[in-house]
C-alpha cells in the first residue's frame, strides 16, 4: 500500500512539474512579456507564483508528519 501511495504521489508531482512547469514559463514568456529573451523573468515569476502555495502546503502537512514521525520512533 505504501508503494502505491508513493507511486501516485510521484506521478502527480511529475505531471505537475513536467507538464505545467514549462507551460507556465512559456505562457509568461509569450503572453505576459512578449519577448523571447525574457525567459529569466518568466522563470522568476513562475517561481514567485509556485513557492507560496508550496510553502503553505508544507506547513499544513508538517503537523501530520511530526505525528507520524513520533509514532514511528515508538516502534524502534
PDB file of N, CA and C in Angstrom:
ATOM      1  N   UNK A   1       0.820  -1.188   0.000  1.00  0.00           N
ATOM      2  CA  UNK A   1       0.000   0.000   0.000  1.00  0.00           C
ATOM      3  C   UNK A   1       0.868   1.258   0.000  1.00  0.00           C
ATOM      4  N   UNK A   2       1.970   1.212   0.755  1.00  0.00           N
ATOM      5  CA  UNK A   2       2.848   2.359   0.813  1.00  0.00           C
ATOM      6  C   UNK A   2       3.493   2.630  -0.542  1.00  0.00           C
ATOM      7  N   UNK A   3       3.834   1.569  -1.254  1.00  0.00           N
ATOM      8  CA  UNK A   3       4.427   1.709  -2.579  1.00  0.00           C
ATOM      9  C   UNK A   3       3.464   2.324  -3.575  1.00  0.00           C
ATOM     10  N   UNK A   4       2.203   1.933  -3.489  1.00  0.00           N
ATOM     11  CA  UNK A   4       1.197   2.505  -4.389  1.00  0.00           C
ATOM     12  C   UNK A   4       0.980   3.979  -4.082  1.00  0.00           C
ATOM     13  N   UNK A   5       0.959   4.335  -2.807  1.00  0.00           N
ATOM     14  CA  UNK A   5       0.796   5.746  -2.437  1.00  0.00           C
ATOM     15  C   UNK A   5       1.988   6.566  -2.930  1.00  0.00           C
ATOM     16  N   UNK A   6       3.172   6.021  -2.784  1.00  0.00           N
ATOM     17  CA  UNK A   6       4.369   6.715  -3.282  1.00  0.00           C
ATOM     18  C   UNK A   6       4.328   6.866  -4.788  1.00  0.00           C
ATOM     19  N   UNK A   7       3.881   5.834  -5.486  1.00  0.00           N
ATOM     20  CA  UNK A   7       3.805   5.896  -6.950  1.00  0.00           C
ATOM     21  C   UNK A   7       2.805   6.945  -7.404  1.00  0.00           C
ATOM     22  N   UNK A   8       1.670   7.031  -6.732  1.00  0.00           N
ATOM     23  CA  UNK A   8       0.666   8.037  -7.092  1.00  0.00           C
ATOM     24  C   UNK A   8       1.191   9.434  -6.812  1.00  0.00           C
ATOM     25  N   UNK A   9       1.880   9.600  -5.690  1.00  0.00           N
ATOM     26  CA  UNK A   9       2.466  10.898  -5.353  1.00  0.00           C
ATOM     27  C   UNK A   9       3.499  11.317  -6.392  1.00  0.00           C
ATOM     28  N   UNK A  10       4.380  10.414  -6.750  1.00  0.00           N
ATOM     29  CA  UNK A  10       5.419  10.729  -7.730  1.00  0.00           C
ATOM     30  C   UNK A  10       4.806  11.010  -9.100  1.00  0.00           C
ATOM     31  N   UNK A  11       3.764  10.274  -9.461  1.00  0.00           N
ATOM     32  CA  UNK A  11       3.065  10.543 -10.715  1.00  0.00           C
ATOM     33  C   UNK A  11       2.489  11.948 -10.722  1.00  0.00           C
ATOM     34  N   UNK A  12       1.847  12.333  -9.642  1.00  0.00           N
ATOM     35  CA  UNK A  12       1.274  13.676  -9.555  1.00  0.00           C
ATOM     36  C   UNK A  12       2.327  14.761  -9.626  1.00  0.00           C
ATOM     37  N   UNK A  13       3.420  14.571  -8.897  1.00  0.00           N
ATOM     38  CA  UNK A  13       4.499  15.563  -8.918  1.00  0.00           C
ATOM     39  C   UNK A  13       5.086  15.685 -10.322  1.00  0.00           C
ATOM     40  N   UNK A  14       5.287  14.555 -10.994  1.00  0.00           N
ATOM     41  CA  UNK A  14       5.849  14.597 -12.344  1.00  0.00           C
ATOM     42  C   UNK A  14       4.883  15.228 -13.338  1.00  0.00           C
ATOM     43  N   UNK A  15       3.607  14.910 -13.230  1.00  0.00           N
ATOM     44  CA  UNK A  15       2.643  15.520 -14.154  1.00  0.00           C
ATOM     45  C   UNK A  15       2.576  17.030 -13.972  1.00  0.00           C
ATOM     46  N   UNK A  16       2.583  17.469 -12.733  1.00  0.00           N
ATOM     47  CA  UNK A  16       2.536  18.912 -12.480  1.00  0.00           C
ATOM     48  C   UNK A  16       3.864  19.556 -12.854  1.00  0.00           C
ATOM     49  N   UNK A  17       4.959  18.961 -12.398  1.00  0.00           N
ATOM     50  CA  UNK A  17       6.271  19.558 -12.628  1.00  0.00           C
ATOM     51  C   UNK A  17       6.695  19.575 -14.082  1.00  0.00           C
ATOM     52  N   UNK A  18       6.527  18.446 -14.755  1.00  0.00           N
ATOM     53  CA  UNK A  18       6.954  18.371 -16.151  1.00  0.00           C
ATOM     54  C   UNK A  18       5.876  18.836 -17.114  1.00  0.00           C
ATOM     55  N   UNK A  19       4.633  18.837 -16.687  1.00  0.00           N
ATOM     56  CA  UNK A  19       3.539  19.248 -17.564  1.00  0.00           C
ATOM     57  C   UNK A  19       3.213  20.725 -17.461  1.00  0.00           C
ATOM     58  N   UNK A  20       2.978  21.180 -16.253  1.00  0.00           N
ATOM     59  CA  UNK A  20       2.575  22.571 -16.074  1.00  0.00           C
ATOM     60  C   UNK A  20       3.749  23.536 -15.991  1.00  0.00           C
ATOM     61  N   UNK A  21       4.857  23.106 -15.436  1.00  0.00           N
ATOM     62  CA  UNK A  21       6.007  24.000 -15.263  1.00  0.00           C
ATOM     63  C   UNK A  21       6.467  24.662 -16.551  1.00  0.00           C
ATOM     64  N   UNK A  22       6.843  23.894 -17.558  1.00  0.00           N
ATOM     65  CA  UNK A  22       7.273  24.509 -18.808  1.00  0.00           C
ATOM     66  C   UNK A  22       6.152  25.289 -19.507  1.00  0.00           C
ATOM     67  N   UNK A  23       4.921  24.838 -19.355  1.00  0.00           N
ATOM     68  CA  UNK A  23       3.806  25.538 -19.990  1.00  0.00           C
ATOM     69  C   UNK A  23       3.577  26.905 -19.358  1.00  0.00           C
ATOM     70  N   UNK A  24       3.716  26.982 -18.046  1.00  0.00           N
ATOM     71  CA  UNK A  24       3.546  28.272 -17.368  1.00  0.00           C
ATOM     72  C   UNK A  24       4.660  29.227 -17.772  1.00  0.00           C
ATOM     73  N   UNK A  25       5.886  28.726 -17.837  1.00  0.00           N
ATOM     74  CA  UNK A  25       7.004  29.574 -18.249  1.00  0.00           C
ATOM     75  C   UNK A  25       6.804  30.063 -19.683  1.00  0.00           C
ATOM     76  N   UNK A  26       6.355  29.180 -20.564  1.00  0.00           N
ATOM     77  CA  UNK A  26       6.098  29.584 -21.948  1.00  0.00           C
ATOM     78  C   UNK A  26       4.960  30.598 -22.026  1.00  0.00           C
ATOM     79  N   UNK A  27       3.929  30.415 -21.213  1.00  0.00           N
ATOM     80  CA  UNK A  27       2.816  31.374 -21.184  1.00  0.00           C
ATOM     81  C   UNK A  27       3.308  32.760 -20.781  1.00  0.00           C
ATOM     82  N   UNK A  28       4.109  32.829 -19.726  1.00  0.00           N
ATOM     83  CA  UNK A  28       4.628  34.124 -19.288  1.00  0.00           C
ATOM     84  C   UNK A  28       5.526  34.750 -20.347  1.00  0.00           C
ATOM     85  N   UNK A  29       6.366  33.935 -20.969  1.00  0.00           N
ATOM     86  CA  UNK A  29       7.283  34.451 -21.983  1.00  0.00           C
ATOM     87  C   UNK A  29       6.517  34.984 -23.187  1.00  0.00           C
ATOM     88  N   UNK A  30       5.506  34.252 -23.640  1.00  0.00           N
ATOM     89  CA  UNK A  30       4.788  34.639 -24.856  1.00  0.00           C
ATOM     90  C   UNK A  30       3.733  35.710 -24.632  1.00  0.00           C
ATOM     91  N   UNK A  31       2.951  35.582 -23.564  1.00  0.00           N
ATOM     92  CA  UNK A  31       1.787  36.450 -23.426  1.00  0.00           C
ATOM     93  C   UNK A  31       1.947  37.573 -22.412  1.00  0.00           C
ATOM     94  N   UNK A  32       2.779  37.402 -21.426  1.00  0.00           N
ATOM     95  CA  UNK A  32       2.959  38.460 -20.433  1.00  0.00           C
ATOM     96  C   UNK A  32       4.095  39.388 -20.848  1.00  0.00           C
ATOM     97  N   UNK A  33       5.257  38.818 -21.161  1.00  0.00           N
ATOM     98  CA  UNK A  33       6.408  39.634 -21.518  1.00  0.00           C
ATOM     99  C   UNK A  33       6.523  39.884 -23.015  1.00  0.00           C
ATOM    100  N   UNK A  34       5.989  39.008 -23.842  1.00  0.00           N
ATOM    101  CA  UNK A  34       6.039  39.121 -25.309  1.00  0.00           C
ATOM    102  C   UNK A  34       7.460  39.318 -25.832  1.00  0.00           C
ATOM    103  N   UNK A  35       8.396  38.634 -25.210  1.00  0.00           N
ATOM    104  CA  UNK A  35       9.794  38.749 -25.611  1.00  0.00           C
ATOM    105  C   UNK A  35      10.477  37.411 -25.352  1.00  0.00           C
ATOM    106  N   UNK A  36      11.120  36.872 -26.387  1.00  0.00           N
ATOM    107  CA  UNK A  36      11.798  35.584 -26.235  1.00  0.00           C
ATOM    108  C   UNK A  36      13.001  35.659 -25.308  1.00  0.00           C
ATOM    109  N   UNK A  37      13.544  36.844 -25.122  1.00  0.00           N
ATOM    110  CA  UNK A  37      14.706  36.994 -24.259  1.00  0.00           C
ATOM    111  C   UNK A  37      14.320  37.270 -22.805  1.00  0.00           C
ATOM    112  N   UNK A  38      13.040  37.212 -22.494  1.00  0.00           N
ATOM    113  CA  UNK A  38      12.571  37.431 -21.117  1.00  0.00           C
ATOM    114  C   UNK A  38      12.410  36.115 -20.368  1.00  0.00           C
ATOM    115  N   UNK A  39      13.080  35.090 -20.825  1.00  0.00           N
ATOM    116  CA  UNK A  39      12.974  33.784 -20.186  1.00  0.00           C
ATOM    117  C   UNK A  39      13.376  33.804 -18.709  1.00  0.00           C
ATOM    118  N   UNK A  40      14.468  34.486 -18.321  1.00  0.00           N
ATOM    119  CA  UNK A  40      14.793  34.522 -16.885  1.00  0.00           C
ATOM    120  C   UNK A  40      13.688  35.166 -16.043  1.00  0.00           C
ATOM    121  N   UNK A  41      13.049  36.182 -16.581  1.00  0.00           N
ATOM    122  CA  UNK A  41      11.963  36.842 -15.850  1.00  0.00           C
ATOM    123  C   UNK A  41      10.740  35.929 -15.752  1.00  0.00           C
ATOM    124  N   UNK A  42      10.498  35.174 -16.795  1.00  0.00           N
ATOM    125  CA  UNK A  42       9.388  34.220 -16.769  1.00  0.00           C
ATOM    126  C   UNK A  42       9.633  33.123 -15.743  1.00  0.00           C
ATOM    127  N   UNK A  43      10.863  32.655 -15.667  1.00  0.00           N
ATOM    128  CA  UNK A  43      11.192  31.632 -14.685  1.00  0.00           C
ATOM    129  C   UNK A  43      11.083  32.180 -13.266  1.00  0.00           C
ATOM    130  N   UNK A  44      11.523  33.417 -13.069  1.00  0.00           N
ATOM    131  CA  UNK A  44      11.422  34.029 -11.742  1.00  0.00           C
ATOM    132  C   UNK A  44       9.963  34.248 -11.356  1.00  0.00           C
ATOM    133  N   UNK A  45       9.142  34.686 -12.291  1.00  0.00           N
ATOM    134  CA  UNK A  45       7.727  34.906 -11.999  1.00  0.00           C
ATOM    135  C   UNK A  45       7.025  33.585 -11.687  1.00  0.00           C
ATOM    136  N   UNK A  46       7.387  32.533 -12.401  1.00  0.00           N
ATOM    137  CA  UNK A  46       6.808  31.213 -12.118  1.00  0.00           C
ATOM    138  C   UNK A  46       7.192  30.762 -10.720  1.00  0.00           C
ATOM    139  N   UNK A  47       8.446  30.960 -10.353  1.00  0.00           N
ATOM    140  CA  UNK A  47       8.884  30.588  -9.004  1.00  0.00           C
ATOM    141  C   UNK A  47       8.145  31.401  -7.948  1.00  0.00           C
ATOM    142  N   UNK A  48       7.924  32.683  -8.210  1.00  0.00           N
ATOM    143  CA  UNK A  48       7.195  33.515  -7.254  1.00  0.00           C
ATOM    144  C   UNK A  48       5.746  33.069  -7.088  1.00  0.00           C
ATOM    145  N   UNK A  49       5.176  32.492  -8.124  1.00  0.00           N
ATOM    146  CA  UNK A  49       3.804  32.007  -8.026  1.00  0.00           C
ATOM    147  C   UNK A  49       3.707  30.611  -7.413  1.00  0.00           C
ATOM    148  N   UNK A  50       4.716  29.787  -7.605  1.00  0.00           N
ATOM    149  CA  UNK A  50       4.671  28.404  -7.155  1.00  0.00           C
ATOM    150  C   UNK A  50       5.133  28.253  -5.705  1.00  0.00           C
ATOM    151  N   UNK A  51       6.101  29.038  -5.275  1.00  0.00           N
ATOM    152  CA  UNK A  51       6.683  28.858  -3.945  1.00  0.00           C
ATOM    153  C   UNK A  51       5.685  29.129  -2.816  1.00  0.00           C
ATOM    154  N   UNK A  52       4.892  30.207  -2.821  1.00  0.00           N
ATOM    155  CA  UNK A  52       3.967  30.422  -1.686  1.00  0.00           C
ATOM    156  C   UNK A  52       2.953  29.293  -1.474  1.00  0.00           C
ATOM    157  N   UNK A  53       2.260  28.777  -2.514  1.00  0.00           N
ATOM    158  CA  UNK A  53       1.369  27.643  -2.247  1.00  0.00           C
ATOM    159  C   UNK A  53       2.115  26.393  -1.780  1.00  0.00           C
ATOM    160  N   UNK A  54       3.334  26.213  -2.280  1.00  0.00           N
ATOM    161  CA  UNK A  54       4.133  25.064  -1.840  1.00  0.00           C
ATOM    162  C   UNK A  54       4.499  25.191  -0.366  1.00  0.00           C
ATOM    163  N   UNK A  55       4.843  26.388   0.070  1.00  0.00           N
ATOM    164  CA  UNK A  55       5.173  26.592   1.477  1.00  0.00           C
ATOM    165  C   UNK A  55       3.952  26.405   2.366  1.00  0.00           C
ATOM    166  N   UNK A  56       2.803  26.865   1.916  1.00  0.00           N
ATOM    167  CA  UNK A  56       1.575  26.683   2.681  1.00  0.00           C
ATOM    168  C   UNK A  56       1.250  25.203   2.810  1.00  0.00           C
ATOM    169  N   UNK A  57       1.369  24.464   1.725  1.00  0.00           N
ATOM    170  CA  UNK A  57       1.117  23.021   1.773  1.00  0.00           C
ATOM    171  C   UNK A  57       2.114  22.331   2.698  1.00  0.00           C
ATOM    172  N   UNK A  58       3.362  22.752   2.660  1.00  0.00           N
ATOM    173  CA  UNK A  58       4.386  22.174   3.529  1.00  0.00           C
ATOM    174  C   UNK A  58       4.047  22.403   4.993  1.00  0.00           C
ATOM    175  N   UNK A  59       3.707  23.633   5.338  1.00  0.00           N
ATOM    176  CA  UNK A  59       3.404  23.952   6.743  1.00  0.00           C
ATOM    177  C   UNK A  59       2.145  23.246   7.219  1.00  0.00           C
ATOM    178  N   UNK A  60       1.165  23.082   6.348  1.00  0.00           N
ATOM    179  CA  UNK A  60      -0.056  22.380   6.742  1.00  0.00           C
ATOM    180  C   UNK A  60       0.196  20.891   6.977  1.00  0.00           C
ATOM    181  N   UNK A  61       1.103  20.310   6.237  1.00  0.00           N
ATOM    182  CA  UNK A  61       1.389  18.877   6.363  1.00  0.00           C
ATOM    183  C   UNK A  61       2.425  18.577   7.439  1.00  0.00           C
ATOM    184  N   UNK A  62       3.101  19.583   7.937  1.00  0.00           N
ATOM    185  CA  UNK A  62       4.175  19.366   8.891  1.00  0.00           C
ATOM    186  C   UNK A  62       3.668  18.756  10.199  1.00  0.00           C
ATOM    187  N   UNK A  63       2.486  19.139  10.647  1.00  0.00           N
ATOM    188  CA  UNK A  63       1.936  18.568  11.871  1.00  0.00           C
ATOM    189  C   UNK A  63       1.690  17.079  11.754  1.00  0.00           C
ATOM    190  N   UNK A  64       1.097  16.662  10.652  1.00  0.00           N
ATOM    191  CA  UNK A  64       0.855  15.227  10.432  1.00  0.00           C
ATOM    192  C   UNK A  64       2.178  14.483  10.298  1.00  0.00           C
ATOM    193  N   UNK A  65       3.155  15.092   9.671  1.00  0.00           N
ATOM    194  CA  UNK A  65       4.468  14.450   9.537  1.00  0.00           C
ATOM    195  C   UNK A  65       5.095  14.240  10.912  1.00  0.00           C
ATOM    196  N   UNK A  66       5.033  15.259  11.754  1.00  0.00           N
ATOM    197  CA  UNK A  66       5.603  15.126  13.103  1.00  0.00           C
ATOM    198  C   UNK A  66       4.884  14.042  13.898  1.00  0.00           C
ATOM    199  N   UNK A  67       3.569  13.968  13.770  1.00  0.00           N
ATOM    200  CA  UNK A  67       2.802  12.945  14.471  1.00  0.00           C
ATOM    201  C   UNK A  67       3.232  11.551  14.033  1.00  0.00           C
ATOM    202  N   UNK A  68       3.333  11.326  12.739  1.00  0.00           N
ATOM    203  CA  UNK A  68       3.732  10.015  12.230  1.00  0.00           C
ATOM    204  C   UNK A  68       5.187   9.712  12.557  1.00  0.00           C
ATOM    205  N   UNK A  69       6.014  10.726  12.603  1.00  0.00           N
ATOM    206  CA  UNK A  69       7.415  10.524  12.971  1.00  0.00           C
ATOM    207  C   UNK A  69       7.530  10.080  14.421  1.00  0.00           C
ATOM    208  N   UNK A  70       6.762  10.700  15.307  1.00  0.00           N
ATOM    209  CA  UNK A  70       6.814  10.288  16.715  1.00  0.00           C
ATOM    210  C   UNK A  70       6.239   8.882  16.900  1.00  0.00           C
ATOM    211  N   UNK A  71       5.217   8.537  16.120  1.00  0.00           N
ATOM    212  CA  UNK A  71       4.675   7.176  16.193  1.00  0.00           C
ATOM    213  C   UNK A  71       5.686   6.154  15.690  1.00  0.00           C
ATOM    214  N   UNK A  72       6.410   6.494  14.648  1.00  0.00           N
ATOM    215  CA  UNK A  72       7.388   5.536  14.104  1.00  0.00           C
ATOM    216  C   UNK A  72       8.577   5.383  15.042  1.00  0.00           C
ATOM    217  N   UNK A  73       8.909   6.424  15.799  1.00  0.00           N
ATOM    218  CA  UNK A  73      10.014   6.293  16.754  1.00  0.00           C
ATOM    219  C   UNK A  73       9.660   5.379  17.913  1.00  0.00           C
ATOM    220  N   UNK A  74       8.386   5.216  18.202  1.00  0.00           N
ATOM    221  CA  UNK A  74       7.961   4.320  19.272  1.00  0.00           C
ATOM    222  C   UNK A  74       8.157   2.862  18.878  1.00  0.00           C
ATOM    223  N   UNK A  75       8.214   2.554  17.611  1.00  0.00           N
ATOM    224  CA  UNK A  75       8.351   1.178  17.145  1.00  0.00           C
ATOM    225  C   UNK A  75       9.772   0.668  17.253  1.00  0.00           C
ATOM    226  N   UNK A  76      10.706   1.559  17.413  1.00  0.00           N
ATOM    227  CA  UNK A  76      12.120   1.162  17.445  1.00  0.00           C
ATOM    228  C   UNK A  76      12.509   0.623  18.780  1.00  0.00           C
TER     229      UNK A  76
END
